[in-house]
Each structure stands twice: as C-alpha cells, then as structure tokens.
Amino acid sequence: QVQLVESGGGLVQAGGSLRLSCAASGRTFSAYTVGWFRQAPGKEREFTAGLDWKPGNTYYADSVKGRFTISGDNAKNTVYLQMNSLKPEDTAVYYCAAVYGRIPYEYSSDWRYDYWGQGTQVTVSS
C-alpha cells in the first residue's frame, strides 16, 4: 500500500510556471511507475506525464511535451511535475497516480494505476 499526497497547485497567469509535488509514504517510490493525470471541468481525465524509475524513462502527452518535466527524488520519495509556459487550457485538477512495477506500454492508461492522490487544482488565467 502506498499513500500519495499532491501539493503545489495554485493560480498562475498564462506563461507562468508551477511545480507540483507528489509525496509517497508507505513504500519505496522508486519501485513504482508514477503518472500525472489531469481532469478539466466537463472533460475526461487525461494522461499528462509518466515516470518509469527504472530505467528512468519519462513519457509526456503531446499537449505538454517541451513545457512539462517529470522527475523523481528517491531520497525524498517524491515525484515532481515542473510546468512551464502554462496555458489557460492547462487548467485542471492534477492527480498523481502510482502502480507497482513497470507498465511501459500502458503508462497513459489511468485504469492501470492502483493508487491515487486527492488532486491539486491548477488554474491558469489568460
């Protein structure tokens, strides 16, 4: 069992940056595949970014590629999502999710993740 707690959301102007954190407790996070998903009002939840600790692969949705960076700090048992050049369409609740082991071909499928955080709101104003 692993518990996930997100933080770092907030209100930012278009073009600005935010860094989201996902802190894990209960297990060593590096044994898990970790994903960030987001859900905007009236829309389905969508994959945003993923981290496969071993061998350190990262994955991104096309909509955020080049603007968002996912990374992990093993010592802090925390995964980050650095979001730059934010756009109003990035406005959503962002969720951290984890699944034990590797899912290299299904990292973007939310149903494959077993553990979820409570979400953190990101609002980008124009």
N, C-alpha and C. Protein backbone atom coordinates (compact mmCIF):
# COMPACT_ATOMS: atom_id res chain seq x y z
N GLN A 1 0.85 -1.19 0.00
CA GLN A 1 0.00 0.00 0.00
C GLN A 1 0.89 1.24 0.00
N VAL A 2 0.52 2.23 -0.77
CA VAL A 2 1.24 3.49 -0.81
C VAL A 2 0.23 4.62 -0.78
N GLN A 3 0.53 5.66 -0.04
CA GLN A 3 -0.32 6.84 0.04
C GLN A 3 0.36 7.98 -0.71
N LEU A 4 -0.42 8.70 -1.49
CA LEU A 4 0.10 9.79 -2.31
C LEU A 4 -0.54 11.11 -1.89
N VAL A 5 0.28 12.12 -1.77
CA VAL A 5 -0.21 13.45 -1.42
C VAL A 5 0.38 14.46 -2.39
N GLU A 6 -0.49 15.14 -3.15
CA GLU A 6 -0.04 16.16 -4.08
C GLU A 6 -0.05 17.53 -3.41
N SER A 7 0.80 18.39 -3.91
CA SER A 7 0.82 19.78 -3.47
C SER A 7 1.43 20.63 -4.58
N GLY A 8 1.29 21.94 -4.43
CA GLY A 8 1.93 22.84 -5.38
C GLY A 8 1.01 23.50 -6.38
N GLY A 9 -0.25 23.14 -6.36
CA GLY A 9 -1.18 23.78 -7.28
C GLY A 9 -1.46 25.22 -6.89
N GLY A 10 -2.17 25.92 -7.76
CA GLY A 10 -2.50 27.30 -7.47
C GLY A 10 -2.96 28.04 -8.70
N LEU A 11 -3.01 29.36 -8.57
CA LEU A 11 -3.43 30.25 -9.65
C LEU A 11 -2.19 30.92 -10.23
N VAL A 12 -2.07 30.88 -11.54
CA VAL A 12 -0.91 31.48 -12.21
C VAL A 12 -1.38 32.10 -13.52
N GLN A 13 -0.68 33.12 -13.95
CA GLN A 13 -1.01 33.73 -15.23
C GLN A 13 -0.43 32.91 -16.38
N ALA A 14 -1.03 33.04 -17.53
CA ALA A 14 -0.53 32.36 -18.72
C ALA A 14 0.93 32.74 -18.95
N GLY A 15 1.72 31.72 -19.29
CA GLY A 15 3.15 31.92 -19.46
C GLY A 15 3.96 31.65 -18.20
N GLY A 16 3.28 31.51 -17.08
CA GLY A 16 3.97 31.29 -15.82
C GLY A 16 4.30 29.83 -15.59
N SER A 17 4.81 29.55 -14.39
CA SER A 17 5.27 28.20 -14.04
C SER A 17 4.74 27.79 -12.68
N LEU A 18 4.60 26.49 -12.52
CA LEU A 18 4.28 25.89 -11.24
C LEU A 18 5.03 24.57 -11.15
N ARG A 19 5.31 24.15 -9.92
CA ARG A 19 5.87 22.83 -9.71
C ARG A 19 4.98 22.05 -8.76
N LEU A 20 4.46 20.95 -9.26
CA LEU A 20 3.65 20.07 -8.44
C LEU A 20 4.53 19.01 -7.80
N SER A 21 4.16 18.61 -6.59
CA SER A 21 4.87 17.55 -5.89
C SER A 21 3.92 16.42 -5.56
N CYS A 22 4.43 15.23 -5.60
CA CYS A 22 3.66 14.05 -5.20
C CYS A 22 4.53 13.27 -4.22
N ALA A 23 4.17 13.34 -2.97
CA ALA A 23 4.94 12.66 -1.93
C ALA A 23 4.30 11.33 -1.60
N ALA A 24 5.12 10.30 -1.52
CA ALA A 24 4.61 8.97 -1.25
C ALA A 24 5.05 8.49 0.12
N SER A 25 4.17 7.78 0.76
CA SER A 25 4.51 7.15 2.04
C SER A 25 4.04 5.70 2.00
N GLY A 26 4.72 4.90 2.75
CA GLY A 26 4.31 3.52 2.84
C GLY A 26 5.18 2.55 2.08
N ARG A 27 5.75 2.99 0.99
CA ARG A 27 6.61 2.11 0.19
C ARG A 27 7.70 2.94 -0.46
N THR A 28 8.71 2.25 -0.96
CA THR A 28 9.75 2.94 -1.72
C THR A 28 9.21 3.29 -3.09
N PHE A 29 9.15 4.56 -3.35
CA PHE A 29 8.50 5.06 -4.56
C PHE A 29 9.19 4.59 -5.83
N SER A 30 10.48 4.37 -5.74
CA SER A 30 11.22 4.04 -6.95
C SER A 30 10.87 2.66 -7.50
N ALA A 31 10.10 1.88 -6.76
CA ALA A 31 9.65 0.58 -7.26
C ALA A 31 8.36 0.70 -8.07
N TYR A 32 7.85 1.92 -8.20
CA TYR A 32 6.57 2.16 -8.85
C TYR A 32 6.73 2.95 -10.14
N THR A 33 5.81 2.76 -11.04
CA THR A 33 5.62 3.69 -12.14
C THR A 33 4.67 4.78 -11.64
N VAL A 34 5.03 6.02 -11.90
CA VAL A 34 4.25 7.15 -11.40
C VAL A 34 3.75 7.98 -12.58
N GLY A 35 2.50 8.33 -12.52
CA GLY A 35 1.93 9.16 -13.58
C GLY A 35 1.25 10.39 -13.02
N TRP A 36 1.22 11.43 -13.82
CA TRP A 36 0.40 12.60 -13.54
C TRP A 36 -0.73 12.62 -14.56
N PHE A 37 -1.93 12.78 -14.07
CA PHE A 37 -3.12 12.91 -14.89
C PHE A 37 -3.80 14.22 -14.53
N ARG A 38 -4.66 14.68 -15.41
CA ARG A 38 -5.41 15.89 -15.11
C ARG A 38 -6.82 15.76 -15.63
N GLN A 39 -7.70 16.49 -14.98
CA GLN A 39 -9.10 16.48 -15.38
C GLN A 39 -9.64 17.90 -15.32
N ALA A 40 -10.05 18.39 -16.47
CA ALA A 40 -10.65 19.72 -16.56
C ALA A 40 -12.16 19.58 -16.41
N PRO A 41 -12.84 20.65 -16.02
CA PRO A 41 -14.31 20.59 -15.85
C PRO A 41 -14.99 20.12 -17.13
N GLY A 42 -15.85 19.13 -17.00
CA GLY A 42 -16.61 18.64 -18.13
C GLY A 42 -15.83 17.75 -19.08
N LYS A 43 -14.60 17.44 -18.72
CA LYS A 43 -13.78 16.60 -19.59
C LYS A 43 -13.34 15.34 -18.86
N GLU A 44 -12.92 14.36 -19.63
CA GLU A 44 -12.42 13.14 -19.05
C GLU A 44 -11.00 13.35 -18.53
N ARG A 45 -10.64 12.50 -17.59
CA ARG A 45 -9.28 12.54 -17.07
C ARG A 45 -8.31 12.11 -18.17
N GLU A 46 -7.18 12.83 -18.27
CA GLU A 46 -6.23 12.52 -19.32
C GLU A 46 -4.81 12.41 -18.78
N PHE A 47 -4.05 11.57 -19.43
CA PHE A 47 -2.65 11.39 -19.09
C PHE A 47 -1.88 12.66 -19.39
N THR A 48 -0.94 13.00 -18.51
CA THR A 48 -0.12 14.19 -18.72
C THR A 48 1.36 13.82 -18.83
N ALA A 49 1.86 13.08 -17.83
CA ALA A 49 3.27 12.71 -17.82
C ALA A 49 3.47 11.46 -16.98
N GLY A 50 4.52 10.70 -17.28
CA GLY A 50 4.80 9.49 -16.54
C GLY A 50 6.28 9.28 -16.31
N LEU A 51 6.59 8.59 -15.22
CA LEU A 51 7.98 8.30 -14.86
C LEU A 51 8.13 6.82 -14.55
N ASP A 52 9.01 6.20 -15.29
CA ASP A 52 9.39 4.82 -15.04
C ASP A 52 10.77 4.89 -14.41
N TRP A 53 10.83 4.75 -13.06
CA TRP A 53 12.09 4.99 -12.35
C TRP A 53 13.23 4.17 -12.92
N LYS A 54 12.94 2.91 -13.22
CA LYS A 54 13.98 2.04 -13.76
C LYS A 54 13.54 1.59 -15.14
N PRO A 55 14.12 2.07 -16.20
CA PRO A 55 15.44 2.69 -16.28
C PRO A 55 15.44 4.23 -16.35
N GLY A 56 14.45 4.86 -15.80
CA GLY A 56 14.44 6.31 -15.80
C GLY A 56 13.79 6.91 -17.02
N ASN A 57 12.86 6.18 -17.62
CA ASN A 57 12.16 6.70 -18.79
C ASN A 57 11.08 7.69 -18.37
N THR A 58 10.88 8.68 -19.18
CA THR A 58 9.79 9.63 -18.96
C THR A 58 8.90 9.66 -20.19
N TYR A 59 7.63 9.96 -19.96
CA TYR A 59 6.63 9.97 -21.02
C TYR A 59 5.78 11.23 -20.88
N TYR A 60 5.36 11.79 -22.01
CA TYR A 60 4.57 13.01 -21.98
C TYR A 60 3.45 12.96 -23.00
N ALA A 61 2.34 13.57 -22.64
CA ALA A 61 1.30 13.81 -23.62
C ALA A 61 1.80 14.86 -24.60
N ASP A 62 1.35 14.78 -25.83
CA ASP A 62 1.79 15.73 -26.86
C ASP A 62 1.48 17.17 -26.46
N SER A 63 0.39 17.35 -25.75
CA SER A 63 -0.05 18.70 -25.40
C SER A 63 0.88 19.39 -24.41
N VAL A 64 1.72 18.62 -23.70
CA VAL A 64 2.60 19.23 -22.70
C VAL A 64 4.08 19.03 -23.02
N LYS A 65 4.36 18.29 -24.06
CA LYS A 65 5.75 17.97 -24.40
C LYS A 65 6.52 19.27 -24.66
N GLY A 66 7.69 19.37 -24.06
CA GLY A 66 8.51 20.56 -24.22
C GLY A 66 8.20 21.65 -23.20
N ARG A 67 7.10 21.52 -22.48
CA ARG A 67 6.73 22.52 -21.46
C ARG A 67 6.77 21.93 -20.06
N PHE A 68 6.40 20.66 -19.92
CA PHE A 68 6.35 20.00 -18.61
C PHE A 68 7.51 19.02 -18.49
N THR A 69 7.99 18.86 -17.27
CA THR A 69 9.06 17.90 -16.99
C THR A 69 8.72 17.13 -15.72
N ILE A 70 8.75 15.81 -15.83
CA ILE A 70 8.52 14.96 -14.67
C ILE A 70 9.88 14.46 -14.17
N SER A 71 10.02 14.43 -12.86
CA SER A 71 11.27 13.96 -12.29
C SER A 71 11.00 13.36 -10.92
N GLY A 72 11.97 12.62 -10.41
CA GLY A 72 11.80 11.98 -9.12
C GLY A 72 13.00 12.17 -8.22
N ASP A 73 12.74 12.27 -6.93
CA ASP A 73 13.79 12.36 -5.93
C ASP A 73 13.65 11.14 -5.03
N ASN A 74 14.52 10.18 -5.23
CA ASN A 74 14.43 8.92 -4.50
C ASN A 74 14.58 9.14 -3.00
N ALA A 75 15.48 10.03 -2.61
CA ALA A 75 15.74 10.26 -1.19
C ALA A 75 14.52 10.85 -0.49
N LYS A 76 13.74 11.63 -1.21
CA LYS A 76 12.56 12.27 -0.62
C LYS A 76 11.29 11.50 -0.94
N ASN A 77 11.41 10.41 -1.70
CA ASN A 77 10.23 9.63 -2.07
C ASN A 77 9.16 10.52 -2.70
N THR A 78 9.59 11.37 -3.60
CA THR A 78 8.71 12.38 -4.18
C THR A 78 8.93 12.47 -5.68
N VAL A 79 7.83 12.66 -6.40
CA VAL A 79 7.88 12.91 -7.84
C VAL A 79 7.36 14.32 -8.08
N TYR A 80 8.00 15.01 -9.01
CA TYR A 80 7.65 16.38 -9.31
C TYR A 80 7.14 16.51 -10.74
N LEU A 81 6.33 17.51 -10.94
CA LEU A 81 5.92 17.90 -12.29
C LEU A 81 6.18 19.39 -12.42
N GLN A 82 7.24 19.72 -13.12
CA GLN A 82 7.57 21.12 -13.40
C GLN A 82 6.79 21.56 -14.63
N MET A 83 5.98 22.58 -14.47
CA MET A 83 5.12 23.04 -15.56
C MET A 83 5.51 24.46 -15.92
N ASN A 84 6.01 24.63 -17.13
CA ASN A 84 6.42 25.94 -17.64
C ASN A 84 5.53 26.36 -18.80
N SER A 85 5.58 27.62 -19.12
CA SER A 85 4.81 28.17 -20.25
C SER A 85 3.35 27.72 -20.17
N LEU A 86 2.78 27.89 -19.02
CA LEU A 86 1.42 27.41 -18.80
C LEU A 86 0.42 28.18 -19.66
N LYS A 87 -0.61 27.45 -20.06
CA LYS A 87 -1.67 28.00 -20.91
C LYS A 87 -3.00 27.84 -20.18
N PRO A 88 -3.99 28.66 -20.53
CA PRO A 88 -5.30 28.51 -19.89
C PRO A 88 -5.87 27.09 -20.04
N GLU A 89 -5.56 26.45 -21.14
CA GLU A 89 -6.07 25.08 -21.35
C GLU A 89 -5.40 24.05 -20.44
N ASP A 90 -4.38 24.44 -19.70
CA ASP A 90 -3.78 23.55 -18.71
C ASP A 90 -4.57 23.55 -17.40
N THR A 91 -5.55 24.41 -17.30
CA THR A 91 -6.37 24.48 -16.10
C THR A 91 -7.08 23.15 -15.86
N ALA A 92 -6.88 22.58 -14.68
CA ALA A 92 -7.45 21.27 -14.36
C ALA A 92 -7.09 20.91 -12.93
N VAL A 93 -7.72 19.84 -12.45
CA VAL A 93 -7.25 19.21 -11.24
C VAL A 93 -6.20 18.17 -11.65
N TYR A 94 -5.04 18.25 -11.04
CA TYR A 94 -3.95 17.35 -11.38
C TYR A 94 -3.83 16.27 -10.30
N TYR A 95 -3.75 15.04 -10.78
CA TYR A 95 -3.67 13.89 -9.89
C TYR A 95 -2.37 13.13 -10.11
N CYS A 96 -1.80 12.69 -9.03
CA CYS A 96 -0.66 11.79 -9.06
C CYS A 96 -1.18 10.37 -8.88
N ALA A 97 -0.60 9.43 -9.62
CA ALA A 97 -1.02 8.04 -9.53
C ALA A 97 0.20 7.13 -9.58
N ALA A 98 0.06 5.93 -9.02
CA ALA A 98 1.19 5.01 -8.98
C ALA A 98 0.72 3.57 -9.12
N VAL A 99 1.60 2.78 -9.69
CA VAL A 99 1.36 1.34 -9.80
C VAL A 99 2.69 0.65 -9.58
N TYR A 100 2.66 -0.46 -8.87
CA TYR A 100 3.90 -1.16 -8.57
C TYR A 100 4.46 -1.80 -9.84
N GLY A 101 5.75 -1.61 -10.06
CA GLY A 101 6.40 -2.21 -11.21
C GLY A 101 6.34 -1.33 -12.45
N ARG A 102 6.65 -1.94 -13.57
CA ARG A 102 6.73 -1.20 -14.82
C ARG A 102 5.53 -1.51 -15.73
N ILE A 103 5.04 -0.50 -16.40
CA ILE A 103 3.97 -0.66 -17.38
C ILE A 103 4.34 0.14 -18.63
N PRO A 104 5.41 -0.23 -19.30
CA PRO A 104 5.96 0.60 -20.38
C PRO A 104 5.04 0.82 -21.56
N TYR A 105 4.06 -0.03 -21.74
CA TYR A 105 3.15 0.13 -22.88
C TYR A 105 1.78 0.64 -22.47
N GLU A 106 1.58 0.82 -21.19
CA GLU A 106 0.26 1.25 -20.70
C GLU A 106 0.35 2.40 -19.73
N TYR A 107 1.45 3.15 -19.79
CA TYR A 107 1.67 4.22 -18.81
C TYR A 107 0.62 5.32 -18.93
N SER A 108 -0.03 5.45 -20.06
CA SER A 108 -1.01 6.51 -20.24
C SER A 108 -2.44 6.07 -19.90
N SER A 109 -2.60 4.84 -19.49
CA SER A 109 -3.93 4.30 -19.18
C SER A 109 -4.21 4.43 -17.69
N ASP A 110 -5.19 5.26 -17.35
CA ASP A 110 -5.42 5.52 -15.93
C ASP A 110 -5.88 4.27 -15.18
N TRP A 111 -6.54 3.36 -15.88
CA TRP A 111 -7.06 2.17 -15.21
C TRP A 111 -5.95 1.24 -14.72
N ARG A 112 -4.73 1.43 -15.22
CA ARG A 112 -3.62 0.58 -14.80
C ARG A 112 -3.02 0.99 -13.47
N TYR A 113 -3.38 2.16 -12.99
CA TYR A 113 -2.79 2.68 -11.75
C TYR A 113 -3.67 2.30 -10.56
N ASP A 114 -3.01 1.88 -9.50
CA ASP A 114 -3.73 1.38 -8.33
C ASP A 114 -3.89 2.42 -7.22
N TYR A 115 -3.02 3.40 -7.20
CA TYR A 115 -3.02 4.35 -6.09
C TYR A 115 -3.13 5.77 -6.66
N TRP A 116 -3.94 6.57 -6.00
CA TRP A 116 -4.20 7.93 -6.47
C TRP A 116 -4.15 8.91 -5.30
N GLY A 117 -3.66 10.10 -5.61
CA GLY A 117 -3.73 11.17 -4.64
C GLY A 117 -5.08 11.88 -4.70
N GLN A 118 -5.23 12.89 -3.87
CA GLN A 118 -6.51 13.59 -3.77
C GLN A 118 -6.67 14.66 -4.84
N GLY A 119 -5.58 15.01 -5.51
CA GLY A 119 -5.64 16.03 -6.56
C GLY A 119 -5.28 17.41 -6.05
N THR A 120 -4.76 18.22 -6.95
CA THR A 120 -4.45 19.61 -6.64
C THR A 120 -4.88 20.47 -7.82
N GLN A 121 -5.53 21.59 -7.51
CA GLN A 121 -6.10 22.44 -8.55
C GLN A 121 -5.02 23.35 -9.14
N VAL A 122 -4.98 23.39 -10.46
CA VAL A 122 -4.13 24.33 -11.19
C VAL A 122 -5.04 25.19 -12.06
N THR A 123 -4.95 26.49 -11.88
CA THR A 123 -5.76 27.42 -12.66
C THR A 123 -4.83 28.40 -13.35
N VAL A 124 -4.96 28.49 -14.67
CA VAL A 124 -4.12 29.39 -15.46
C VAL A 124 -5.02 30.46 -16.05
N SER A 125 -4.77 31.70 -15.70
CA SER A 125 -5.59 32.80 -16.19
C SER A 125 -4.97 33.39 -17.45
N SER A 126 -5.83 33.89 -18.31
CA SER A 126 -5.35 34.46 -19.58
C SER A 126 -5.04 35.93 -19.45
